[in-house]
N, C-alpha and C. Protein backbone atom coordinates (compact mmCIF):
# COMPACT_ATOMS: atom_id res chain seq x y z
N MET A 1 0.86 -1.17 0.00
CA MET A 1 0.00 0.00 0.00
C MET A 1 0.91 1.23 0.00
N ASP A 2 0.58 2.20 -0.88
CA ASP A 2 1.41 3.40 -0.89
C ASP A 2 0.81 4.45 0.04
N ARG A 3 1.41 5.64 0.07
CA ARG A 3 0.98 6.66 1.03
C ARG A 3 -0.40 7.24 0.70
N MET A 4 -0.94 7.02 -0.50
CA MET A 4 -2.27 7.51 -0.87
C MET A 4 -3.37 6.49 -0.54
N GLY A 5 -2.99 5.35 0.02
CA GLY A 5 -3.98 4.35 0.38
C GLY A 5 -4.31 3.39 -0.75
N ARG A 6 -3.54 3.44 -1.83
CA ARG A 6 -3.78 2.57 -2.97
C ARG A 6 -3.05 1.25 -2.78
N VAL A 7 -3.70 0.18 -3.18
CA VAL A 7 -3.11 -1.15 -3.08
C VAL A 7 -2.58 -1.52 -4.46
N ARG A 8 -1.34 -1.91 -4.52
CA ARG A 8 -0.74 -2.27 -5.80
C ARG A 8 -0.55 -3.78 -5.89
N GLY A 9 -0.67 -4.29 -7.10
CA GLY A 9 -0.30 -5.66 -7.37
C GLY A 9 -1.22 -6.73 -6.80
N LEU A 10 -2.55 -6.47 -6.79
CA LEU A 10 -3.48 -7.52 -6.36
C LEU A 10 -3.58 -8.58 -7.44
N PRO A 11 -3.90 -9.80 -7.07
CA PRO A 11 -4.02 -10.87 -8.07
C PRO A 11 -5.07 -10.51 -9.13
N GLY A 12 -4.73 -10.73 -10.40
CA GLY A 12 -5.64 -10.44 -11.50
C GLY A 12 -5.47 -9.05 -12.07
N ASP A 13 -4.69 -8.19 -11.44
CA ASP A 13 -4.47 -6.85 -11.95
C ASP A 13 -3.32 -6.86 -12.95
N GLU A 14 -3.38 -5.93 -13.88
CA GLU A 14 -2.26 -5.76 -14.79
C GLU A 14 -1.12 -5.10 -14.03
N PRO A 15 0.09 -5.30 -14.45
CA PRO A 15 1.21 -4.64 -13.78
C PRO A 15 1.06 -3.13 -13.84
N GLY A 16 1.24 -2.48 -12.73
CA GLY A 16 1.18 -1.03 -12.66
C GLY A 16 -0.20 -0.48 -12.38
N SER A 17 -1.25 -1.31 -12.39
CA SER A 17 -2.59 -0.79 -12.08
C SER A 17 -2.73 -0.64 -10.58
N TRP A 18 -3.71 0.14 -10.17
CA TRP A 18 -3.90 0.36 -8.74
C TRP A 18 -5.37 0.37 -8.40
N ARG A 19 -5.67 0.14 -7.14
CA ARG A 19 -7.04 0.19 -6.63
C ARG A 19 -7.08 1.23 -5.54
N GLY A 20 -8.02 2.13 -5.64
CA GLY A 20 -8.15 3.17 -4.62
C GLY A 20 -9.02 2.69 -3.48
N PRO A 21 -9.10 3.49 -2.42
CA PRO A 21 -9.97 3.13 -1.30
C PRO A 21 -11.43 3.22 -1.72
N GLY A 22 -12.30 2.53 -1.09
CA GLY A 22 -13.73 2.58 -1.41
C GLY A 22 -14.18 1.32 -2.10
N ASN A 23 -14.53 1.45 -3.39
CA ASN A 23 -15.09 0.30 -4.09
C ASN A 23 -14.03 -0.64 -4.63
N GLY A 24 -12.76 -0.31 -4.48
CA GLY A 24 -11.71 -1.19 -4.93
C GLY A 24 -11.45 -1.14 -6.42
N ARG A 25 -12.15 -0.23 -7.13
CA ARG A 25 -11.98 -0.15 -8.57
C ARG A 25 -11.15 1.06 -8.98
N GLY A 26 -10.94 1.99 -8.08
CA GLY A 26 -10.13 3.15 -8.39
C GLY A 26 -10.77 4.06 -9.42
N ALA A 27 -9.95 4.84 -10.09
CA ALA A 27 -10.45 5.82 -11.06
C ALA A 27 -11.08 5.15 -12.26
N ALA A 28 -10.67 3.94 -12.58
CA ALA A 28 -11.22 3.26 -13.74
C ALA A 28 -12.69 2.91 -13.55
N GLY A 29 -13.17 2.81 -12.32
CA GLY A 29 -14.55 2.43 -12.06
C GLY A 29 -15.51 3.60 -11.97
N MET A 30 -15.01 4.82 -12.11
CA MET A 30 -15.89 6.00 -12.00
C MET A 30 -16.65 6.20 -13.31
N ASN A 31 -17.88 6.67 -13.21
CA ASN A 31 -18.70 6.92 -14.38
C ASN A 31 -18.88 8.41 -14.60
N VAL A 32 -17.84 9.16 -14.50
CA VAL A 32 -17.92 10.60 -14.67
C VAL A 32 -18.04 10.91 -16.16
N GLY A 33 -19.02 11.73 -16.52
CA GLY A 33 -19.18 12.16 -17.90
C GLY A 33 -19.78 11.12 -18.82
N VAL A 34 -20.40 10.10 -18.27
CA VAL A 34 -21.00 9.07 -19.10
C VAL A 34 -22.39 9.52 -19.51
N ALA A 35 -22.67 9.49 -20.80
CA ALA A 35 -23.97 9.93 -21.31
C ALA A 35 -24.96 8.77 -21.26
N HIS A 36 -26.22 9.10 -21.53
CA HIS A 36 -27.24 8.06 -21.61
C HIS A 36 -26.94 7.16 -22.81
N SER A 37 -27.59 6.04 -22.84
CA SER A 37 -27.29 5.08 -23.90
C SER A 37 -28.17 5.24 -25.12
N GLU A 38 -29.08 6.18 -25.12
CA GLU A 38 -29.98 6.37 -26.25
C GLU A 38 -29.28 7.17 -27.34
N VAL A 39 -29.40 6.70 -28.57
CA VAL A 39 -28.87 7.46 -29.69
C VAL A 39 -29.73 8.69 -29.91
N ASN A 40 -31.05 8.53 -29.78
CA ASN A 40 -32.00 9.62 -29.95
C ASN A 40 -32.99 9.59 -28.79
N PRO A 41 -32.86 10.50 -27.82
CA PRO A 41 -33.78 10.49 -26.67
C PRO A 41 -35.25 10.72 -27.03
N ASN A 42 -35.55 11.25 -28.22
CA ASN A 42 -36.94 11.40 -28.64
C ASN A 42 -37.66 10.06 -28.71
N THR A 43 -36.91 8.99 -28.91
CA THR A 43 -37.54 7.68 -29.08
C THR A 43 -38.13 7.14 -27.80
N ARG A 44 -37.64 7.58 -26.65
CA ARG A 44 -38.07 7.01 -25.37
C ARG A 44 -38.75 8.00 -24.44
N VAL A 45 -38.95 9.24 -24.86
CA VAL A 45 -39.46 10.24 -23.93
C VAL A 45 -40.86 9.90 -23.43
N MET A 46 -41.69 9.31 -24.26
CA MET A 46 -43.05 8.99 -23.82
C MET A 46 -43.10 7.75 -22.93
N ASN A 47 -41.99 7.04 -22.80
CA ASN A 47 -41.92 5.91 -21.88
C ASN A 47 -41.28 6.31 -20.57
N SER A 48 -40.95 7.59 -20.42
CA SER A 48 -40.31 8.05 -19.19
C SER A 48 -41.27 7.95 -18.03
N ARG A 49 -40.69 7.86 -16.86
CA ARG A 49 -41.48 7.71 -15.64
C ARG A 49 -42.31 8.96 -15.38
N GLY A 50 -43.61 8.82 -15.24
CA GLY A 50 -44.49 9.91 -14.88
C GLY A 50 -44.95 10.79 -16.03
N ILE A 51 -44.53 10.52 -17.25
CA ILE A 51 -44.89 11.41 -18.36
C ILE A 51 -46.38 11.31 -18.69
N TRP A 52 -46.96 10.12 -18.57
CA TRP A 52 -48.39 9.98 -18.85
C TRP A 52 -49.22 10.72 -17.81
N LEU A 53 -48.83 10.64 -16.57
CA LEU A 53 -49.53 11.36 -15.50
C LEU A 53 -49.41 12.87 -15.72
N ALA A 54 -48.23 13.33 -16.08
CA ALA A 54 -48.03 14.76 -16.35
C ALA A 54 -48.88 15.21 -17.53
N TYR A 55 -49.03 14.37 -18.52
CA TYR A 55 -49.85 14.67 -19.69
C TYR A 55 -51.32 14.84 -19.28
N VAL A 56 -51.84 13.89 -18.52
CA VAL A 56 -53.24 13.95 -18.08
C VAL A 56 -53.47 15.15 -17.17
N ILE A 57 -52.53 15.42 -16.27
CA ILE A 57 -52.66 16.57 -15.37
C ILE A 57 -52.63 17.87 -16.16
N SER A 58 -51.79 17.97 -17.18
CA SER A 58 -51.73 19.20 -17.97
C SER A 58 -53.02 19.44 -18.74
N VAL A 59 -53.65 18.39 -19.23
CA VAL A 59 -54.95 18.55 -19.90
C VAL A 59 -56.00 18.98 -18.87
N GLY A 60 -55.96 18.41 -17.68
CA GLY A 60 -56.89 18.81 -16.61
C GLY A 60 -56.69 20.25 -16.19
N VAL A 61 -55.44 20.69 -16.10
CA VAL A 61 -55.15 22.08 -15.73
C VAL A 61 -55.65 23.02 -16.83
N LEU A 62 -55.43 22.66 -18.09
CA LEU A 62 -55.94 23.47 -19.20
C LEU A 62 -57.46 23.61 -19.08
N HIS A 63 -58.13 22.51 -18.80
CA HIS A 63 -59.59 22.55 -18.67
C HIS A 63 -60.03 23.43 -17.51
N LEU A 64 -59.35 23.33 -16.37
CA LEU A 64 -59.69 24.17 -15.21
C LEU A 64 -59.44 25.65 -15.48
N VAL A 65 -58.36 25.96 -16.18
CA VAL A 65 -58.08 27.36 -16.52
C VAL A 65 -59.18 27.90 -17.42
N LEU A 66 -59.60 27.11 -18.40
CA LEU A 66 -60.68 27.56 -19.28
C LEU A 66 -62.01 27.66 -18.53
N LEU A 67 -62.23 26.78 -17.57
CA LEU A 67 -63.46 26.86 -16.76
C LEU A 67 -63.48 28.10 -15.88
N SER A 68 -62.33 28.61 -15.53
CA SER A 68 -62.28 29.78 -14.65
C SER A 68 -62.61 31.08 -15.37
N ILE A 69 -62.68 31.05 -16.69
CA ILE A 69 -63.07 32.25 -17.45
C ILE A 69 -64.59 32.35 -17.38
N PRO A 70 -65.11 33.43 -16.78
CA PRO A 70 -66.53 33.47 -16.43
C PRO A 70 -67.51 33.49 -17.60
N PHE A 71 -67.14 34.02 -18.74
CA PHE A 71 -68.13 34.16 -19.81
C PHE A 71 -68.16 32.96 -20.76
N PHE A 72 -67.40 31.90 -20.48
CA PHE A 72 -67.45 30.68 -21.28
C PHE A 72 -68.46 29.71 -20.68
N SER A 73 -69.33 29.16 -21.53
CA SER A 73 -70.27 28.13 -21.06
C SER A 73 -69.54 26.78 -21.00
N ILE A 74 -70.16 25.83 -20.36
CA ILE A 74 -69.55 24.50 -20.21
C ILE A 74 -69.28 23.84 -21.57
N PRO A 75 -70.24 23.86 -22.51
CA PRO A 75 -69.93 23.26 -23.82
C PRO A 75 -68.78 23.95 -24.55
N VAL A 76 -68.70 25.28 -24.43
CA VAL A 76 -67.61 26.01 -25.08
C VAL A 76 -66.27 25.64 -24.45
N VAL A 77 -66.25 25.50 -23.13
CA VAL A 77 -65.00 25.14 -22.45
C VAL A 77 -64.54 23.75 -22.87
N TRP A 78 -65.46 22.80 -22.96
CA TRP A 78 -65.07 21.45 -23.38
C TRP A 78 -64.57 21.45 -24.82
N THR A 79 -65.24 22.20 -25.69
CA THR A 79 -64.79 22.26 -27.08
C THR A 79 -63.43 22.94 -27.18
N LEU A 80 -63.23 24.02 -26.43
CA LEU A 80 -61.92 24.68 -26.44
C LEU A 80 -60.82 23.77 -25.88
N THR A 81 -61.12 23.04 -24.83
CA THR A 81 -60.14 22.10 -24.28
C THR A 81 -59.75 21.07 -25.33
N ASN A 82 -60.74 20.53 -26.01
CA ASN A 82 -60.48 19.52 -27.03
C ASN A 82 -59.68 20.10 -28.19
N VAL A 83 -60.08 21.25 -28.69
CA VAL A 83 -59.41 21.85 -29.85
C VAL A 83 -57.99 22.29 -29.50
N ILE A 84 -57.80 22.92 -28.34
CA ILE A 84 -56.46 23.35 -27.94
C ILE A 84 -55.56 22.14 -27.73
N HIS A 85 -56.07 21.11 -27.06
CA HIS A 85 -55.29 19.89 -26.86
C HIS A 85 -54.86 19.29 -28.20
N ASN A 86 -55.80 19.15 -29.11
CA ASN A 86 -55.49 18.53 -30.39
C ASN A 86 -54.56 19.39 -31.23
N LEU A 87 -54.72 20.71 -31.16
CA LEU A 87 -53.82 21.60 -31.91
C LEU A 87 -52.39 21.49 -31.38
N VAL A 88 -52.24 21.51 -30.07
CA VAL A 88 -50.90 21.41 -29.47
C VAL A 88 -50.29 20.04 -29.78
N MET A 89 -51.08 18.99 -29.68
CA MET A 89 -50.56 17.65 -29.98
C MET A 89 -50.18 17.53 -31.45
N TYR A 90 -50.97 18.13 -32.34
CA TYR A 90 -50.62 18.09 -33.76
C TYR A 90 -49.31 18.82 -34.02
N LEU A 91 -49.17 20.00 -33.42
CA LEU A 91 -47.94 20.76 -33.63
C LEU A 91 -46.73 20.05 -33.05
N LEU A 92 -46.85 19.51 -31.84
CA LEU A 92 -45.70 18.88 -31.19
C LEU A 92 -45.34 17.52 -31.78
N LEU A 93 -46.34 16.74 -32.15
CA LEU A 93 -46.07 15.38 -32.60
C LEU A 93 -45.95 15.23 -34.11
N HIS A 94 -46.69 16.05 -34.88
CA HIS A 94 -46.76 15.80 -36.32
C HIS A 94 -46.20 16.93 -37.18
N THR A 95 -45.76 18.02 -36.57
CA THR A 95 -45.19 19.12 -37.35
C THR A 95 -43.71 19.28 -37.08
N VAL A 96 -43.31 19.25 -35.82
CA VAL A 96 -41.91 19.43 -35.45
C VAL A 96 -41.12 18.21 -35.89
N LYS A 97 -40.01 18.46 -36.58
CA LYS A 97 -39.19 17.36 -37.08
C LYS A 97 -37.78 17.46 -36.52
N GLY A 98 -37.06 16.34 -36.55
CA GLY A 98 -35.69 16.32 -36.08
C GLY A 98 -35.62 16.10 -34.58
N THR A 99 -34.43 16.36 -34.03
CA THR A 99 -34.21 16.21 -32.59
C THR A 99 -33.70 17.52 -32.03
N PRO A 100 -34.06 17.83 -30.78
CA PRO A 100 -33.60 19.09 -30.19
C PRO A 100 -32.17 19.04 -29.67
N PHE A 101 -31.49 17.92 -29.85
CA PHE A 101 -30.12 17.78 -29.36
C PHE A 101 -29.27 17.19 -30.47
N GLU A 102 -27.97 17.31 -30.29
CA GLU A 102 -27.06 16.72 -31.26
C GLU A 102 -26.99 15.22 -30.98
N THR A 103 -27.30 14.43 -31.98
CA THR A 103 -27.32 12.98 -31.79
C THR A 103 -26.32 12.33 -32.75
N PRO A 104 -25.81 11.17 -32.37
CA PRO A 104 -24.84 10.50 -33.23
C PRO A 104 -25.46 9.64 -34.33
N ASP A 105 -26.70 9.94 -34.73
CA ASP A 105 -27.36 9.11 -35.75
C ASP A 105 -27.08 9.60 -37.16
N GLN A 106 -26.20 10.58 -37.32
CA GLN A 106 -25.78 11.12 -38.61
C GLN A 106 -26.97 11.64 -39.42
N GLY A 107 -27.92 12.27 -38.76
CA GLY A 107 -29.04 12.91 -39.45
C GLY A 107 -30.14 11.97 -39.89
N LYS A 108 -30.11 10.74 -39.43
CA LYS A 108 -31.12 9.76 -39.85
C LYS A 108 -32.53 10.21 -39.48
N ASP A 109 -32.68 10.83 -38.31
CA ASP A 109 -34.00 11.23 -37.83
C ASP A 109 -34.32 12.69 -38.14
N ARG A 110 -33.50 13.33 -38.93
CA ARG A 110 -33.67 14.75 -39.21
C ARG A 110 -34.98 15.06 -39.92
N LEU A 111 -35.42 14.17 -40.79
CA LEU A 111 -36.64 14.40 -41.56
C LEU A 111 -37.87 13.70 -40.99
N LEU A 112 -37.74 13.11 -39.80
CA LEU A 112 -38.87 12.43 -39.18
C LEU A 112 -39.53 13.32 -38.14
N THR A 113 -40.86 13.24 -38.06
CA THR A 113 -41.58 13.98 -37.02
C THR A 113 -41.38 13.26 -35.69
N HIS A 114 -41.78 13.93 -34.62
CA HIS A 114 -41.63 13.31 -33.30
C HIS A 114 -42.44 12.02 -33.20
N TRP A 115 -43.63 12.01 -33.79
CA TRP A 115 -44.46 10.81 -33.75
C TRP A 115 -43.75 9.65 -34.45
N GLU A 116 -43.09 9.92 -35.57
CA GLU A 116 -42.40 8.86 -36.31
C GLU A 116 -41.15 8.37 -35.59
N GLN A 117 -40.62 9.16 -34.65
CA GLN A 117 -39.44 8.76 -33.90
C GLN A 117 -39.77 7.98 -32.62
N ILE A 118 -40.99 8.12 -32.12
CA ILE A 118 -41.35 7.47 -30.86
C ILE A 118 -41.18 5.96 -30.99
N ASP A 119 -40.50 5.35 -30.03
CA ASP A 119 -40.24 3.90 -29.99
C ASP A 119 -39.61 3.40 -31.29
N TYR A 120 -38.73 4.22 -31.86
CA TYR A 120 -37.98 3.88 -33.08
C TYR A 120 -38.91 3.54 -34.24
N GLY A 121 -40.11 4.11 -34.27
CA GLY A 121 -41.03 3.89 -35.36
C GLY A 121 -41.85 2.61 -35.25
N THR A 122 -41.67 1.86 -34.19
CA THR A 122 -42.44 0.63 -33.99
C THR A 122 -43.90 0.98 -33.73
N GLN A 123 -44.80 0.34 -34.46
CA GLN A 123 -46.22 0.63 -34.32
C GLN A 123 -46.82 -0.14 -33.14
N CYS A 124 -47.94 0.34 -32.64
CA CYS A 124 -48.75 -0.32 -31.61
C CYS A 124 -48.00 -0.57 -30.30
N THR A 125 -47.13 0.35 -29.91
CA THR A 125 -46.50 0.25 -28.59
C THR A 125 -47.41 0.92 -27.57
N SER A 126 -47.12 0.73 -26.30
CA SER A 126 -48.00 1.28 -25.27
C SER A 126 -48.05 2.80 -25.31
N SER A 127 -46.93 3.46 -25.57
CA SER A 127 -46.95 4.92 -25.61
C SER A 127 -47.72 5.42 -26.83
N ARG A 128 -47.61 4.75 -27.96
CA ARG A 128 -48.38 5.15 -29.14
C ARG A 128 -49.88 4.91 -28.93
N LYS A 129 -50.21 3.81 -28.28
CA LYS A 129 -51.63 3.55 -27.99
C LYS A 129 -52.19 4.61 -27.05
N PHE A 130 -51.41 4.98 -26.03
CA PHE A 130 -51.85 6.01 -25.10
C PHE A 130 -52.08 7.33 -25.82
N LEU A 131 -51.14 7.72 -26.68
CA LEU A 131 -51.28 8.98 -27.41
C LEU A 131 -52.38 8.94 -28.46
N SER A 132 -52.78 7.77 -28.89
CA SER A 132 -53.88 7.65 -29.85
C SER A 132 -55.23 7.59 -29.15
N ILE A 133 -55.27 6.97 -27.98
CA ILE A 133 -56.54 6.81 -27.26
C ILE A 133 -56.93 8.08 -26.51
N SER A 134 -55.95 8.82 -26.01
CA SER A 134 -56.28 10.00 -25.20
C SER A 134 -57.09 11.06 -25.96
N PRO A 135 -56.82 11.37 -27.24
CA PRO A 135 -57.71 12.32 -27.93
C PRO A 135 -59.12 11.76 -28.14
N VAL A 136 -59.22 10.45 -28.30
CA VAL A 136 -60.54 9.83 -28.48
C VAL A 136 -61.35 9.93 -27.19
N VAL A 137 -60.71 9.66 -26.06
CA VAL A 137 -61.39 9.78 -24.76
C VAL A 137 -61.83 11.22 -24.53
N LEU A 138 -60.94 12.17 -24.82
CA LEU A 138 -61.29 13.59 -24.66
C LEU A 138 -62.43 13.96 -25.60
N TYR A 139 -62.43 13.43 -26.82
CA TYR A 139 -63.51 13.68 -27.78
C TYR A 139 -64.84 13.15 -27.25
N LEU A 140 -64.83 11.94 -26.69
CA LEU A 140 -66.07 11.36 -26.16
C LEU A 140 -66.59 12.18 -24.98
N LEU A 141 -65.70 12.60 -24.09
CA LEU A 141 -66.11 13.46 -22.97
C LEU A 141 -66.67 14.79 -23.48
N THR A 142 -66.00 15.36 -24.47
CA THR A 142 -66.45 16.63 -25.03
C THR A 142 -67.81 16.48 -25.69
N SER A 143 -68.00 15.42 -26.44
CA SER A 143 -69.30 15.20 -27.10
C SER A 143 -70.41 15.04 -26.07
N PHE A 144 -70.12 14.33 -24.98
CA PHE A 144 -71.12 14.13 -23.94
C PHE A 144 -71.49 15.45 -23.27
N TYR A 145 -70.48 16.24 -22.88
CA TYR A 145 -70.75 17.47 -22.14
C TYR A 145 -71.26 18.60 -23.03
N THR A 146 -71.12 18.49 -24.34
CA THR A 146 -71.73 19.48 -25.24
C THR A 146 -73.12 19.02 -25.68
N LYS A 147 -73.55 17.88 -25.15
CA LYS A 147 -74.87 17.31 -25.44
C LYS A 147 -75.08 17.08 -26.94
N TYR A 148 -73.99 16.72 -27.62
CA TYR A 148 -74.00 16.37 -29.04
C TYR A 148 -74.59 17.49 -29.90
N ASP A 149 -74.33 18.73 -29.49
CA ASP A 149 -74.75 19.88 -30.28
C ASP A 149 -74.07 19.80 -31.65
N PRO A 150 -74.83 19.99 -32.74
CA PRO A 150 -74.25 19.81 -34.08
C PRO A 150 -73.03 20.70 -34.37
N ALA A 151 -73.07 21.95 -33.95
CA ALA A 151 -71.94 22.85 -34.23
C ALA A 151 -70.68 22.38 -33.49
N HIS A 152 -70.82 22.07 -32.21
CA HIS A 152 -69.69 21.57 -31.43
C HIS A 152 -69.23 20.21 -31.96
N PHE A 153 -70.19 19.39 -32.37
CA PHE A 153 -69.86 18.06 -32.85
C PHE A 153 -68.98 18.11 -34.10
N VAL A 154 -69.31 19.01 -35.03
CA VAL A 154 -68.52 19.15 -36.26
C VAL A 154 -67.12 19.66 -35.94
N ILE A 155 -67.02 20.67 -35.08
CA ILE A 155 -65.71 21.22 -34.71
C ILE A 155 -64.85 20.17 -34.02
N ASN A 156 -65.44 19.45 -33.07
CA ASN A 156 -64.68 18.45 -32.32
C ASN A 156 -64.29 17.25 -33.19
N THR A 157 -65.17 16.86 -34.12
CA THR A 157 -64.85 15.75 -35.01
C THR A 157 -63.71 16.13 -35.95
N ALA A 158 -63.77 17.33 -36.51
CA ALA A 158 -62.68 17.78 -37.39
C ALA A 158 -61.36 17.86 -36.63
N SER A 159 -61.43 18.34 -35.40
CA SER A 159 -60.23 18.42 -34.56
C SER A 159 -59.67 17.03 -34.27
N LEU A 160 -60.54 16.09 -33.95
CA LEU A 160 -60.10 14.72 -33.67
C LEU A 160 -59.46 14.09 -34.90
N LEU A 161 -60.10 14.25 -36.05
CA LEU A 161 -59.55 13.64 -37.27
C LEU A 161 -58.20 14.24 -37.64
N SER A 162 -58.03 15.54 -37.38
CA SER A 162 -56.76 16.18 -37.73
C SER A 162 -55.60 15.67 -36.89
N VAL A 163 -55.89 15.16 -35.71
CA VAL A 163 -54.82 14.65 -34.85
C VAL A 163 -54.74 13.12 -34.89
N LEU A 164 -55.81 12.45 -35.29
CA LEU A 164 -55.83 10.99 -35.29
C LEU A 164 -55.35 10.39 -36.61
N LEU A 165 -55.69 11.00 -37.73
CA LEU A 165 -55.28 10.45 -39.02
C LEU A 165 -53.76 10.38 -39.20
N PRO A 166 -52.99 11.41 -38.80
CA PRO A 166 -51.53 11.29 -38.96
C PRO A 166 -50.90 10.20 -38.11
N LYS A 167 -51.62 9.69 -37.13
CA LYS A 167 -51.08 8.64 -36.27
C LYS A 167 -51.23 7.24 -36.88
N LEU A 168 -52.03 7.11 -37.92
CA LEU A 168 -52.24 5.80 -38.53
C LEU A 168 -50.95 5.28 -39.16
N PRO A 169 -50.71 3.97 -39.07
CA PRO A 169 -49.48 3.41 -39.65
C PRO A 169 -49.34 3.67 -41.15
N GLN A 170 -50.47 3.81 -41.85
CA GLN A 170 -50.42 4.05 -43.29
C GLN A 170 -49.81 5.41 -43.63
N PHE A 171 -49.81 6.34 -42.68
CA PHE A 171 -49.28 7.67 -42.92
C PHE A 171 -47.87 7.86 -42.37
N HIS A 172 -47.21 6.77 -41.96
CA HIS A 172 -45.84 6.87 -41.43
C HIS A 172 -44.90 7.33 -42.55
N GLY A 173 -44.34 8.51 -42.40
CA GLY A 173 -43.42 9.06 -43.39
C GLY A 173 -44.09 9.73 -44.57
N VAL A 174 -45.42 9.75 -44.62
CA VAL A 174 -46.15 10.34 -45.73
C VAL A 174 -46.35 11.83 -45.47
N ARG A 175 -46.11 12.65 -46.48
CA ARG A 175 -46.34 14.09 -46.40
C ARG A 175 -47.41 14.43 -47.44
N ILE A 176 -48.61 14.77 -46.98
CA ILE A 176 -49.73 15.08 -47.87
C ILE A 176 -49.45 16.40 -48.58
N PHE A 177 -49.58 16.43 -49.87
CA PHE A 177 -49.35 17.61 -50.72
C PHE A 177 -47.96 18.21 -50.50
N GLY A 178 -47.02 17.44 -50.01
CA GLY A 178 -45.66 17.93 -49.79
C GLY A 178 -45.51 18.85 -48.59
N VAL A 179 -46.57 19.00 -47.79
CA VAL A 179 -46.49 19.85 -46.61
C VAL A 179 -45.57 19.20 -45.59
N ASN A 180 -44.64 19.97 -45.04
CA ASN A 180 -43.69 19.50 -44.03
C ASN A 180 -42.74 18.44 -44.59
N LYS A 181 -42.44 18.55 -45.90
CA LYS A 181 -41.58 17.56 -46.53
C LYS A 181 -40.12 17.76 -46.15
N TYR A 182 -39.68 19.00 -46.03
CA TYR A 182 -38.27 19.28 -45.74
C TYR A 182 -38.11 19.85 -44.36
């Protein structure tokens, strides 16, 4: 043992290696500066711990904020909640392309939307099912609380279709009329 507390020459060590105090692995066992193992973190963000709960809570908070505006009726608030939710989801999942960080994938995901990157493009995963079912559940709640009023029904149905159709596997990588192609 030298004056720094390091043990030299333990069985199985290479000549000249040392073990520091503590875990016995020395500096070689430290994980300083080690990055995550994901090539593209966009692929796993919806599987992160608590993200589904945060998503549901944020929709609930949006609804409560709209309910606190005194001159909005209940059907208008539900329709606004549905339309705002679907608009934000469309923009975040089906319009924004690429990754917000530098990734070592050599630009492979540069032309893919966030929806196309989730779970490496694998269809019918739990996060994709959750993101597909949640607008439908919100649509059903909205239709119920608007008492199936024809004007609200048309607006909510158009909003649902605008966010649900791009999620279909048949539209993976498809750009209608060249919109959002580059």
